């Protein structure tokens, strides 16, 4: 499969469990910018099925876990859907953002 996230090297992971992994965004928009990515390839929110409810809950709890480990006092979770929604890579992922916004 020609998917950047499916082909990431595990050495780039900052966290991994049975269903997901977390990496630092290579083009961060905030001081803290992580991506929570399901291991199973799902193109976007628009491609979720009813049986993915538990996985989506696990992704949110993974974001919470990372935020606690990083001792973040506040953060945002963001999911882009489709090109017009800002999604660049066709593999569902959640952005965990905190700190000052970086200007590129």
PDB file of N, CA and C in Angstrom:
ATOM      1  N   UNK A   1       0.853  -1.183   0.000  1.00  0.00           N
ATOM      2  CA  UNK A   1       0.000   0.000   0.000  1.00  0.00           C
ATOM      3  C   UNK A   1       0.894   1.240   0.000  1.00  0.00           C
ATOM      4  N   UNK A   2       0.535   2.207  -0.787  1.00  0.00           N
ATOM      5  CA  UNK A   2       1.316   3.438  -0.905  1.00  0.00           C
ATOM      6  C   UNK A   2       0.749   4.509   0.023  1.00  0.00           C
ATOM      7  N   UNK A   3       0.896   4.279   1.328  1.00  0.00           N
ATOM      8  CA  UNK A   3       0.389   5.212   2.337  1.00  0.00           C
ATOM      9  C   UNK A   3       1.546   5.587   3.256  1.00  0.00           C
ATOM     10  N   UNK A   4       1.801   6.871   3.383  1.00  0.00           N
ATOM     11  CA  UNK A   4       2.892   7.347   4.217  1.00  0.00           C
ATOM     12  C   UNK A   4       2.789   6.798   5.642  1.00  0.00           C
ATOM     13  N   UNK A   5       1.607   6.862   6.235  1.00  0.00           N
ATOM     14  CA  UNK A   5       1.453   6.422   7.620  1.00  0.00           C
ATOM     15  C   UNK A   5       1.586   4.905   7.758  1.00  0.00           C
ATOM     16  N   UNK A   6       1.070   4.151   6.791  1.00  0.00           N
ATOM     17  CA  UNK A   6       1.192   2.690   6.845  1.00  0.00           C
ATOM     18  C   UNK A   6       2.640   2.243   6.708  1.00  0.00           C
ATOM     19  N   UNK A   7       3.463   3.077   6.106  1.00  0.00           N
ATOM     20  CA  UNK A   7       4.858   2.712   5.848  1.00  0.00           C
ATOM     21  C   UNK A   7       5.865   3.390   6.779  1.00  0.00           C
ATOM     22  N   UNK A   8       5.388   4.072   7.823  1.00  0.00           N
ATOM     23  CA  UNK A   8       6.310   4.720   8.759  1.00  0.00           C
ATOM     24  C   UNK A   8       7.153   3.686   9.493  1.00  0.00           C
ATOM     25  N   UNK A   9       8.378   4.046   9.755  1.00  0.00           N
ATOM     26  CA  UNK A   9       9.288   3.194  10.512  1.00  0.00           C
ATOM     27  C   UNK A   9       8.931   3.290  11.993  1.00  0.00           C
ATOM     28  N   UNK A  10       8.876   2.168  12.666  1.00  0.00           N
ATOM     29  CA  UNK A  10       8.518   2.153  14.084  1.00  0.00           C
ATOM     30  C   UNK A  10       9.470   2.979  14.938  1.00  0.00           C
ATOM     31  N   UNK A  11      10.674   3.231  14.469  1.00  0.00           N
ATOM     32  CA  UNK A  11      11.610   4.048  15.253  1.00  0.00           C
ATOM     33  C   UNK A  11      11.117   5.490  15.383  1.00  0.00           C
ATOM     34  N   UNK A  12      10.179   5.887  14.519  1.00  0.00           N
ATOM     35  CA  UNK A  12       9.620   7.234  14.585  1.00  0.00           C
ATOM     36  C   UNK A  12       8.471   7.352  15.586  1.00  0.00           C
ATOM     37  N   UNK A  13       7.993   6.217  16.096  1.00  0.00           N
ATOM     38  CA  UNK A  13       6.878   6.231  17.036  1.00  0.00           C
ATOM     39  C   UNK A  13       7.333   6.788  18.383  1.00  0.00           C
ATOM     40  N   UNK A  14       6.486   7.614  18.983  1.00  0.00           N
ATOM     41  CA  UNK A  14       6.740   8.019  20.367  1.00  0.00           C
ATOM     42  C   UNK A  14       5.840   7.248  21.318  1.00  0.00           C
ATOM     43  N   UNK A  15       4.848   6.545  20.752  1.00  0.00           N
ATOM     44  CA  UNK A  15       3.949   5.702  21.533  1.00  0.00           C
ATOM     45  C   UNK A  15       3.341   4.682  20.577  1.00  0.00           C
ATOM     46  N   UNK A  16       3.081   3.483  21.122  1.00  0.00           N
ATOM     47  CA  UNK A  16       2.427   2.450  20.323  1.00  0.00           C
ATOM     48  C   UNK A  16       1.650   1.517  21.238  1.00  0.00           C
ATOM     49  N   UNK A  17       0.458   1.122  20.782  1.00  0.00           N
ATOM     50  CA  UNK A  17      -0.290   0.062  21.447  1.00  0.00           C
ATOM     51  C   UNK A  17      -0.834  -0.860  20.359  1.00  0.00           C
ATOM     52  N   UNK A  18      -1.768  -1.718  20.693  1.00  0.00           N
ATOM     53  CA  UNK A  18      -2.262  -2.699  19.722  1.00  0.00           C
ATOM     54  C   UNK A  18      -2.981  -2.077  18.532  1.00  0.00           C
ATOM     55  N   UNK A  19      -3.608  -0.922  18.738  1.00  0.00           N
ATOM     56  CA  UNK A  19      -4.458  -0.351  17.699  1.00  0.00           C
ATOM     57  C   UNK A  19      -3.976   0.956  17.088  1.00  0.00           C
ATOM     58  N   UNK A  20      -2.995   1.591  17.711  1.00  0.00           N
ATOM     59  CA  UNK A  20      -2.593   2.922  17.251  1.00  0.00           C
ATOM     60  C   UNK A  20      -1.129   3.196  17.557  1.00  0.00           C
ATOM     61  N   UNK A  21      -0.647   4.265  16.948  1.00  0.00           N
ATOM     62  CA  UNK A  21       0.687   4.763  17.274  1.00  0.00           C
ATOM     63  C   UNK A  21       0.657   6.279  17.188  1.00  0.00           C
ATOM     64  N   UNK A  22       1.676   6.900  17.778  1.00  0.00           N
ATOM     65  CA  UNK A  22       1.757   8.354  17.823  1.00  0.00           C
ATOM     66  C   UNK A  22       3.128   8.772  17.316  1.00  0.00           C
ATOM     67  N   UNK A  23       3.134   9.810  16.485  1.00  0.00           N
ATOM     68  CA  UNK A  23       4.384  10.380  15.970  1.00  0.00           C
ATOM     69  C   UNK A  23       4.305  11.896  16.085  1.00  0.00           C
ATOM     70  N   UNK A  24       5.482  12.538  16.044  1.00  0.00           N
ATOM     71  CA  UNK A  24       5.522  13.997  15.950  1.00  0.00           C
ATOM     72  C   UNK A  24       5.235  14.377  14.505  1.00  0.00           C
ATOM     73  N   UNK A  25       4.467  15.435  14.319  1.00  0.00           N
ATOM     74  CA  UNK A  25       4.191  15.920  12.965  1.00  0.00           C
ATOM     75  C   UNK A  25       5.478  16.497  12.378  1.00  0.00           C
ATOM     76  N   UNK A  26       5.780  16.167  11.131  1.00  0.00           N
ATOM     77  CA  UNK A  26       7.020  16.663  10.519  1.00  0.00           C
ATOM     78  C   UNK A  26       6.900  18.118  10.069  1.00  0.00           C
ATOM     79  N   UNK A  27       5.676  18.626  10.003  1.00  0.00           N
ATOM     80  CA  UNK A  27       5.445  20.046   9.716  1.00  0.00           C
ATOM     81  C   UNK A  27       4.515  20.622  10.776  1.00  0.00           C
ATOM     82  N   UNK A  28       5.035  20.789  11.989  1.00  0.00           N
ATOM     83  CA  UNK A  28       4.163  21.210  13.100  1.00  0.00           C
ATOM     84  C   UNK A  28       3.599  22.614  12.902  1.00  0.00           C
ATOM     85  N   UNK A  29       2.355  22.762  13.356  1.00  0.00           N
ATOM     86  CA  UNK A  29       1.722  24.085  13.341  1.00  0.00           C
ATOM     87  C   UNK A  29       1.686  24.696  14.744  1.00  0.00           C
ATOM     88  N   UNK A  30       2.008  23.891  15.753  1.00  0.00           N
ATOM     89  CA  UNK A  30       2.035  24.332  17.140  1.00  0.00           C
ATOM     90  C   UNK A  30       3.306  23.801  17.802  1.00  0.00           C
ATOM     91  N   UNK A  31       3.637  24.406  18.944  1.00  0.00           N
ATOM     92  CA  UNK A  31       4.833  23.974  19.675  1.00  0.00           C
ATOM     93  C   UNK A  31       4.798  22.462  19.928  1.00  0.00           C
ATOM     94  N   UNK A  32       3.646  21.952  20.348  1.00  0.00           N
ATOM     95  CA  UNK A  32       3.420  20.514  20.499  1.00  0.00           C
ATOM     96  C   UNK A  32       2.458  20.103  19.384  1.00  0.00           C
ATOM     97  N   UNK A  33       2.871  19.161  18.557  1.00  0.00           N
ATOM     98  CA  UNK A  33       2.016  18.711  17.451  1.00  0.00           C
ATOM     99  C   UNK A  33       2.290  17.229  17.192  1.00  0.00           C
ATOM    100  N   UNK A  34       1.404  16.401  17.726  1.00  0.00           N
ATOM    101  CA  UNK A  34       1.504  14.952  17.553  1.00  0.00           C
ATOM    102  C   UNK A  34       0.361  14.465  16.680  1.00  0.00           C
ATOM    103  N   UNK A  35       0.569  13.320  16.059  1.00  0.00           N
ATOM    104  CA  UNK A  35      -0.468  12.665  15.270  1.00  0.00           C
ATOM    105  C   UNK A  35      -0.785  11.322  15.910  1.00  0.00           C
ATOM    106  N   UNK A  36      -2.063  11.098  16.205  1.00  0.00           N
ATOM    107  CA  UNK A  36      -2.528   9.818  16.729  1.00  0.00           C
ATOM    108  C   UNK A  36      -3.126   9.086  15.536  1.00  0.00           C
ATOM    109  N   UNK A  37      -2.561   7.921  15.210  1.00  0.00           N
ATOM    110  CA  UNK A  37      -2.870   7.246  13.955  1.00  0.00           C
ATOM    111  C   UNK A  37      -3.293   5.799  14.226  1.00  0.00           C
ATOM    112  N   UNK A  38      -4.449   5.393  13.711  1.00  0.00           N
ATOM    113  CA  UNK A  38      -4.819   3.984  13.859  1.00  0.00           C
ATOM    114  C   UNK A  38      -3.915   3.117  12.976  1.00  0.00           C
ATOM    115  N   UNK A  39      -3.566   1.925  13.465  1.00  0.00           N
ATOM    116  CA  UNK A  39      -2.732   1.026  12.675  1.00  0.00           C
ATOM    117  C   UNK A  39      -3.476   0.512  11.446  1.00  0.00           C
ATOM    118  N   UNK A  40      -4.773   0.295  11.606  1.00  0.00           N
ATOM    119  CA  UNK A  40      -5.569  -0.174  10.469  1.00  0.00           C
ATOM    120  C   UNK A  40      -5.818   1.010   9.538  1.00  0.00           C
ATOM    121  N   UNK A  41      -5.591   0.813   8.269  1.00  0.00           N
ATOM    122  CA  UNK A  41      -5.774   1.899   7.311  1.00  0.00           C
ATOM    123  C   UNK A  41      -7.258   2.203   7.139  1.00  0.00           C
ATOM    124  N   UNK A  42      -7.623   3.419   7.521  1.00  0.00           N
ATOM    125  CA  UNK A  42      -8.960   3.968   7.294  1.00  0.00           C
ATOM    126  C   UNK A  42      -8.705   5.310   6.631  1.00  0.00           C
ATOM    127  N   UNK A  43      -9.269   5.528   5.468  1.00  0.00           N
ATOM    128  CA  UNK A  43      -8.937   6.726   4.698  1.00  0.00           C
ATOM    129  C   UNK A  43      -9.296   8.021   5.420  1.00  0.00           C
ATOM    130  N   UNK A  44     -10.491   8.112   5.972  1.00  0.00           N
ATOM    131  CA  UNK A  44     -10.911   9.344   6.654  1.00  0.00           C
ATOM    132  C   UNK A  44     -12.126   9.059   7.524  1.00  0.00           C
ATOM    133  N   UNK A  45     -12.585  10.071   8.215  1.00  0.00           N
ATOM    134  CA  UNK A  45     -13.818   9.966   9.003  1.00  0.00           C
ATOM    135  C   UNK A  45     -14.962   9.468   8.116  1.00  0.00           C
ATOM    136  N   UNK A  46     -14.976   9.900   6.873  1.00  0.00           N
ATOM    137  CA  UNK A  46     -16.046   9.496   5.951  1.00  0.00           C
ATOM    138  C   UNK A  46     -16.023   8.009   5.628  1.00  0.00           C
ATOM    139  N   UNK A  47     -14.969   7.312   5.995  1.00  0.00           N
ATOM    140  CA  UNK A  47     -14.840   5.886   5.696  1.00  0.00           C
ATOM    141  C   UNK A  47     -15.018   5.009   6.938  1.00  0.00           C
ATOM    142  N   UNK A  48     -15.403   5.610   8.058  1.00  0.00           N
ATOM    143  CA  UNK A  48     -15.637   4.838   9.275  1.00  0.00           C
ATOM    144  C   UNK A  48     -16.898   4.001   9.138  1.00  0.00           C
ATOM    145  N   UNK A  49     -16.884   2.861   9.793  1.00  0.00           N
ATOM    146  CA  UNK A  49     -18.045   1.970   9.865  1.00  0.00           C
ATOM    147  C   UNK A  49     -18.508   1.915  11.316  1.00  0.00           C
ATOM    148  N   UNK A  50     -19.684   1.402  11.531  1.00  0.00           N
ATOM    149  CA  UNK A  50     -20.242   1.298  12.874  1.00  0.00           C
ATOM    150  C   UNK A  50     -19.294   0.565  13.824  1.00  0.00           C
ATOM    151  N   UNK A  51     -18.608  -0.463  13.325  1.00  0.00           N
ATOM    152  CA  UNK A  51     -17.703  -1.231  14.187  1.00  0.00           C
ATOM    153  C   UNK A  51     -16.447  -0.453  14.575  1.00  0.00           C
ATOM    154  N   UNK A  52     -16.244   0.734  14.021  1.00  0.00           N
ATOM    155  CA  UNK A  52     -15.073   1.559  14.358  1.00  0.00           C
ATOM    156  C   UNK A  52     -15.302   2.471  15.564  1.00  0.00           C
ATOM    157  N   UNK A  53     -16.489   2.382  16.162  1.00  0.00           N
ATOM    158  CA  UNK A  53     -16.792   3.243  17.319  1.00  0.00           C
ATOM    159  C   UNK A  53     -15.774   3.059  18.440  1.00  0.00           C
ATOM    160  N   UNK A  54     -15.471   1.820  18.772  1.00  0.00           N
ATOM    161  CA  UNK A  54     -14.536   1.554  19.866  1.00  0.00           C
ATOM    162  C   UNK A  54     -13.139   2.067  19.520  1.00  0.00           C
ATOM    163  N   UNK A  55     -12.709   1.858  18.288  1.00  0.00           N
ATOM    164  CA  UNK A  55     -11.393   2.343  17.855  1.00  0.00           C
ATOM    165  C   UNK A  55     -11.304   3.860  18.005  1.00  0.00           C
ATOM    166  N   UNK A  56     -12.339   4.578  17.608  1.00  0.00           N
ATOM    167  CA  UNK A  56     -12.310   6.044  17.711  1.00  0.00           C
ATOM    168  C   UNK A  56     -12.217   6.476  19.173  1.00  0.00           C
ATOM    169  N   UNK A  57     -12.916   5.779  20.050  1.00  0.00           N
ATOM    170  CA  UNK A  57     -12.800   6.061  21.481  1.00  0.00           C
ATOM    171  C   UNK A  57     -11.388   5.810  21.988  1.00  0.00           C
ATOM    172  N   UNK A  58     -10.777   4.718  21.516  1.00  0.00           N
ATOM    173  CA  UNK A  58      -9.402   4.403  21.908  1.00  0.00           C
ATOM    174  C   UNK A  58      -8.427   5.478  21.418  1.00  0.00           C
ATOM    175  N   UNK A  59      -8.651   6.007  20.215  1.00  0.00           N
ATOM    176  CA  UNK A  59      -7.773   7.066  19.696  1.00  0.00           C
ATOM    177  C   UNK A  59      -7.853   8.314  20.574  1.00  0.00           C
ATOM    178  N   UNK A  60      -9.056   8.673  20.993  1.00  0.00           N
ATOM    179  CA  UNK A  60      -9.233   9.846  21.870  1.00  0.00           C
ATOM    180  C   UNK A  60      -8.547   9.600  23.216  1.00  0.00           C
ATOM    181  N   UNK A  61      -8.706   8.401  23.761  1.00  0.00           N
ATOM    182  CA  UNK A  61      -8.055   8.087  25.035  1.00  0.00           C
ATOM    183  C   UNK A  61      -6.540   8.030  24.892  1.00  0.00           C
ATOM    184  N   UNK A  62      -6.043   7.646  23.738  1.00  0.00           N
ATOM    185  CA  UNK A  62      -4.600   7.689  23.488  1.00  0.00           C
ATOM    186  C   UNK A  62      -4.121   9.138  23.500  1.00  0.00           C
ATOM    187  N   UNK A  63      -4.879  10.023  22.873  1.00  0.00           N
ATOM    188  CA  UNK A  63      -4.528  11.450  22.898  1.00  0.00           C
ATOM    189  C   UNK A  63      -4.491  11.951  24.337  1.00  0.00           C
ATOM    190  N   UNK A  64      -5.479  11.571  25.130  1.00  0.00           N
ATOM    191  CA  UNK A  64      -5.519  11.967  26.538  1.00  0.00           C
ATOM    192  C   UNK A  64      -4.282  11.449  27.278  1.00  0.00           C
ATOM    193  N   UNK A  65      -3.916  10.205  27.030  1.00  0.00           N
ATOM    194  CA  UNK A  65      -2.753   9.602  27.682  1.00  0.00           C
ATOM    195  C   UNK A  65      -1.473  10.373  27.342  1.00  0.00           C
ATOM    196  N   UNK A  66      -1.280  10.689  26.077  1.00  0.00           N
ATOM    197  CA  UNK A  66      -0.093  11.433  25.647  1.00  0.00           C
ATOM    198  C   UNK A  66      -0.089  12.822  26.289  1.00  0.00           C
ATOM    199  N   UNK A  67      -1.234  13.482  26.305  1.00  0.00           N
ATOM    200  CA  UNK A  67      -1.323  14.811  26.921  1.00  0.00           C
ATOM    201  C   UNK A  67      -0.956  14.751  28.404  1.00  0.00           C
ATOM    202  N   UNK A  68      -1.421  13.711  29.095  1.00  0.00           N
ATOM    203  CA  UNK A  68      -1.075  13.563  30.519  1.00  0.00           C
ATOM    204  C   UNK A  68       0.422  13.310  30.683  1.00  0.00           C
ATOM    205  N   UNK A  69       0.982  12.421  29.845  1.00  0.00           N
ATOM    206  CA  UNK A  69       2.417  12.124  29.930  1.00  0.00           C
ATOM    207  C   UNK A  69       3.267  13.357  29.652  1.00  0.00           C
ATOM    208  N   UNK A  70       2.796  14.208  28.751  1.00  0.00           N
ATOM    209  CA  UNK A  70       3.517  15.440  28.402  1.00  0.00           C
ATOM    210  C   UNK A  70       3.208  16.580  29.377  1.00  0.00           C
ATOM    211  N   UNK A  71       2.307  16.299  30.336  1.00  0.00           N
ATOM    212  CA  UNK A  71       1.884  17.291  31.334  1.00  0.00           C
ATOM    213  C   UNK A  71       1.323  18.561  30.675  1.00  0.00           C
ATOM    214  N   UNK A  72       0.524  18.371  29.633  1.00  0.00           N
ATOM    215  CA  UNK A  72      -0.089  19.506  28.942  1.00  0.00           C
ATOM    216  C   UNK A  72      -1.246  20.042  29.770  1.00  0.00           C
ATOM    217  N   UNK A  73      -1.242  21.331  30.008  1.00  0.00           N
ATOM    218  CA  UNK A  73      -2.316  21.945  30.786  1.00  0.00           C
ATOM    219  C   UNK A  73      -3.560  22.158  29.928  1.00  0.00           C
ATOM    220  N   UNK A  74      -3.375  22.257  28.641  1.00  0.00           N
ATOM    221  CA  UNK A  74      -4.485  22.414  27.709  1.00  0.00           C
ATOM    222  C   UNK A  74      -4.034  21.966  26.336  1.00  0.00           C
ATOM    223  N   UNK A  75      -4.980  21.506  25.561  1.00  0.00           N
ATOM    224  CA  UNK A  75      -4.652  21.045  24.213  1.00  0.00           C
ATOM    225  C   UNK A  75      -5.915  20.988  23.375  1.00  0.00           C
ATOM    226  N   UNK A  76      -5.731  20.818  22.071  1.00  0.00           N
ATOM    227  CA  UNK A  76      -6.850  20.640  21.153  1.00  0.00           C
ATOM    228  C   UNK A  76      -6.638  19.361  20.369  1.00  0.00           C
ATOM    229  N   UNK A  77      -7.744  18.753  19.991  1.00  0.00           N
ATOM    230  CA  UNK A  77      -7.717  17.617  19.079  1.00  0.00           C
ATOM    231  C   UNK A  77      -8.397  18.066  17.796  1.00  0.00           C
ATOM    232  N   UNK A  78      -7.789  17.722  16.674  1.00  0.00           N
ATOM    233  CA  UNK A  78      -8.311  18.176  15.385  1.00  0.00           C
ATOM    234  C   UNK A  78      -8.261  17.018  14.397  1.00  0.00           C
ATOM    235  N   UNK A  79      -9.364  16.843  13.659  1.00  0.00           N
ATOM    236  CA  UNK A  79      -9.412  15.842  12.594  1.00  0.00           C
ATOM    237  C   UNK A  79      -9.830  16.549  11.315  1.00  0.00           C
ATOM    238  N   UNK A  80      -8.978  16.506  10.310  1.00  0.00           N
ATOM    239  CA  UNK A  80      -9.295  17.059   8.999  1.00  0.00           C
ATOM    240  C   UNK A  80      -9.919  15.945   8.159  1.00  0.00           C
ATOM    241  N   UNK A  81     -10.923  16.298   7.356  1.00  0.00           N
ATOM    242  CA  UNK A  81     -11.621  15.308   6.537  1.00  0.00           C
ATOM    243  C   UNK A  81     -11.660  15.780   5.089  1.00  0.00           C
ATOM    244  N   UNK A  82     -10.997  15.047   4.213  1.00  0.00           N
ATOM    245  CA  UNK A  82     -10.990  15.378   2.786  1.00  0.00           C
ATOM    246  C   UNK A  82     -10.087  16.558   2.471  1.00  0.00           C
ATOM    247  N   UNK A  83      -9.732  16.673   1.211  1.00  0.00           N
ATOM    248  CA  UNK A  83      -8.838  17.757   0.776  1.00  0.00           C
ATOM    249  C   UNK A  83      -9.409  19.133   1.124  1.00  0.00           C
ATOM    250  N   UNK A  84     -10.692  19.326   0.895  1.00  0.00           N
ATOM    251  CA  UNK A  84     -11.300  20.630   1.188  1.00  0.00           C
ATOM    252  C   UNK A  84     -11.386  20.893   2.680  1.00  0.00           C
ATOM    253  N   UNK A  85     -11.222  19.849   3.486  1.00  0.00           N
ATOM    254  CA  UNK A  85     -11.204  19.994   4.939  1.00  0.00           C
ATOM    255  C   UNK A  85      -9.802  20.045   5.501  1.00  0.00           C
ATOM    256  N   UNK A  86      -8.786  20.062   4.625  1.00  0.00           N
ATOM    257  CA  UNK A  86      -7.404  20.179   5.067  1.00  0.00           C
ATOM    258  C   UNK A  86      -6.660  18.868   5.231  1.00  0.00           C
ATOM    259  N   UNK A  87      -7.289  17.728   4.894  1.00  0.00           N
ATOM    260  CA  UNK A  87      -6.612  16.434   5.022  1.00  0.00           C
ATOM    261  C   UNK A  87      -5.612  16.272   3.888  1.00  0.00           C
ATOM    262  N   UNK A  88      -4.358  16.026   4.243  1.00  0.00           N
ATOM    263  CA  UNK A  88      -3.285  15.898   3.252  1.00  0.00           C
ATOM    264  C   UNK A  88      -2.960  14.433   2.981  1.00  0.00           C
ATOM    265  N   UNK A  89      -2.984  13.611   4.035  1.00  0.00           N
ATOM    266  CA  UNK A  89      -2.663  12.188   3.901  1.00  0.00           C
ATOM    267  C   UNK A  89      -3.949  11.386   4.065  1.00  0.00           C
ATOM    268  N   UNK A  90      -4.197  10.494   3.124  1.00  0.00           N
ATOM    269  CA  UNK A  90      -5.436   9.717   3.117  1.00  0.00           C
ATOM    270  C   UNK A  90      -5.358   8.518   4.069  1.00  0.00           C
ATOM    271  N   UNK A  91      -5.155   8.839   5.334  1.00  0.00           N
ATOM    272  CA  UNK A  91      -5.192   7.849   6.416  1.00  0.00           C
ATOM    273  C   UNK A  91      -5.663   8.639   7.637  1.00  0.00           C
ATOM    274  N   UNK A  92      -6.781   8.234   8.194  1.00  0.00           N
ATOM    275  CA  UNK A  92      -7.363   8.909   9.348  1.00  0.00           C
ATOM    276  C   UNK A  92      -6.306   9.158  10.420  1.00  0.00           C
ATOM    277  N   UNK A  93      -6.292  10.350  10.983  1.00  0.00           N
ATOM    278  CA  UNK A  93      -5.401  10.669  12.088  1.00  0.00           C
ATOM    279  C   UNK A  93      -5.961  11.853  12.858  1.00  0.00           C
ATOM    280  N   UNK A  94      -5.585  11.930  14.116  1.00  0.00           N
ATOM    281  CA  UNK A  94      -6.008  13.019  15.001  1.00  0.00           C
ATOM    282  C   UNK A  94      -4.776  13.847  15.337  1.00  0.00           C
ATOM    283  N   UNK A  95      -4.890  15.151  15.162  1.00  0.00           N
ATOM    284  CA  UNK A  95      -3.814  16.066  15.556  1.00  0.00           C
ATOM    285  C   UNK A  95      -4.019  16.428  17.028  1.00  0.00           C
ATOM    286  N   UNK A  96      -2.970  16.267  17.829  1.00  0.00           N
ATOM    287  CA  UNK A  96      -2.970  16.737  19.202  1.00  0.00           C
ATOM    288  C   UNK A  96      -2.081  17.980  19.209  1.00  0.00           C
ATOM    289  N   UNK A  97      -2.675  19.120  19.509  1.00  0.00           N
ATOM    290  CA  UNK A  97      -1.992  20.419  19.407  1.00  0.00           C
ATOM    291  C   UNK A  97      -1.976  21.121  20.754  1.00  0.00           C
ATOM    292  N   UNK A  98      -0.843  21.717  21.096  1.00  0.00           N
ATOM    293  CA  UNK A  98      -0.740  22.493  22.320  1.00  0.00           C
ATOM    294  C   UNK A  98       0.386  23.495  22.182  1.00  0.00           C
ATOM    295  N   UNK A  99       0.309  24.520  22.986  1.00  0.00           N
ATOM    296  CA  UNK A  99       1.349  25.547  22.955  1.00  0.00           C
ATOM    297  C   UNK A  99       1.090  26.574  21.878  1.00  0.00           C
ATOM    298  N   UNK A 100       2.052  27.459  21.731  1.00  0.00           N
ATOM    299  CA  UNK A 100       1.910  28.536  20.779  1.00  0.00           C
ATOM    300  C   UNK A 100       1.822  28.024  19.353  1.00  0.00           C
ATOM    301  N   UNK A 101       1.040  28.725  18.545  1.00  0.00           N
ATOM    302  CA  UNK A 101       0.945  28.401  17.134  1.00  0.00           C
ATOM    303  C   UNK A 101       2.237  28.872  16.454  1.00  0.00           C
ATOM    304  N   UNK A 102       2.771  28.026  15.605  1.00  0.00           N
ATOM    305  CA  UNK A 102       3.980  28.379  14.839  1.00  0.00           C
ATOM    306  C   UNK A 102       3.549  28.948  13.496  1.00  0.00           C
ATOM    307  N   UNK A 103       4.224  29.933  13.057  1.00  0.00           N
ATOM    308  CA  UNK A 103       3.894  30.546  11.768  1.00  0.00           C
ATOM    309  C   UNK A 103       4.939  30.156  10.751  1.00  0.00           C
ATOM    310  N   UNK A 104       4.500  29.604   9.649  1.00  0.00           N
ATOM    311  CA  UNK A 104       5.416  29.165   8.578  1.00  0.00           C
ATOM    312  C   UNK A 104       5.325  30.139   7.444  1.00  0.00           C
TER     313      UNK A 104
END
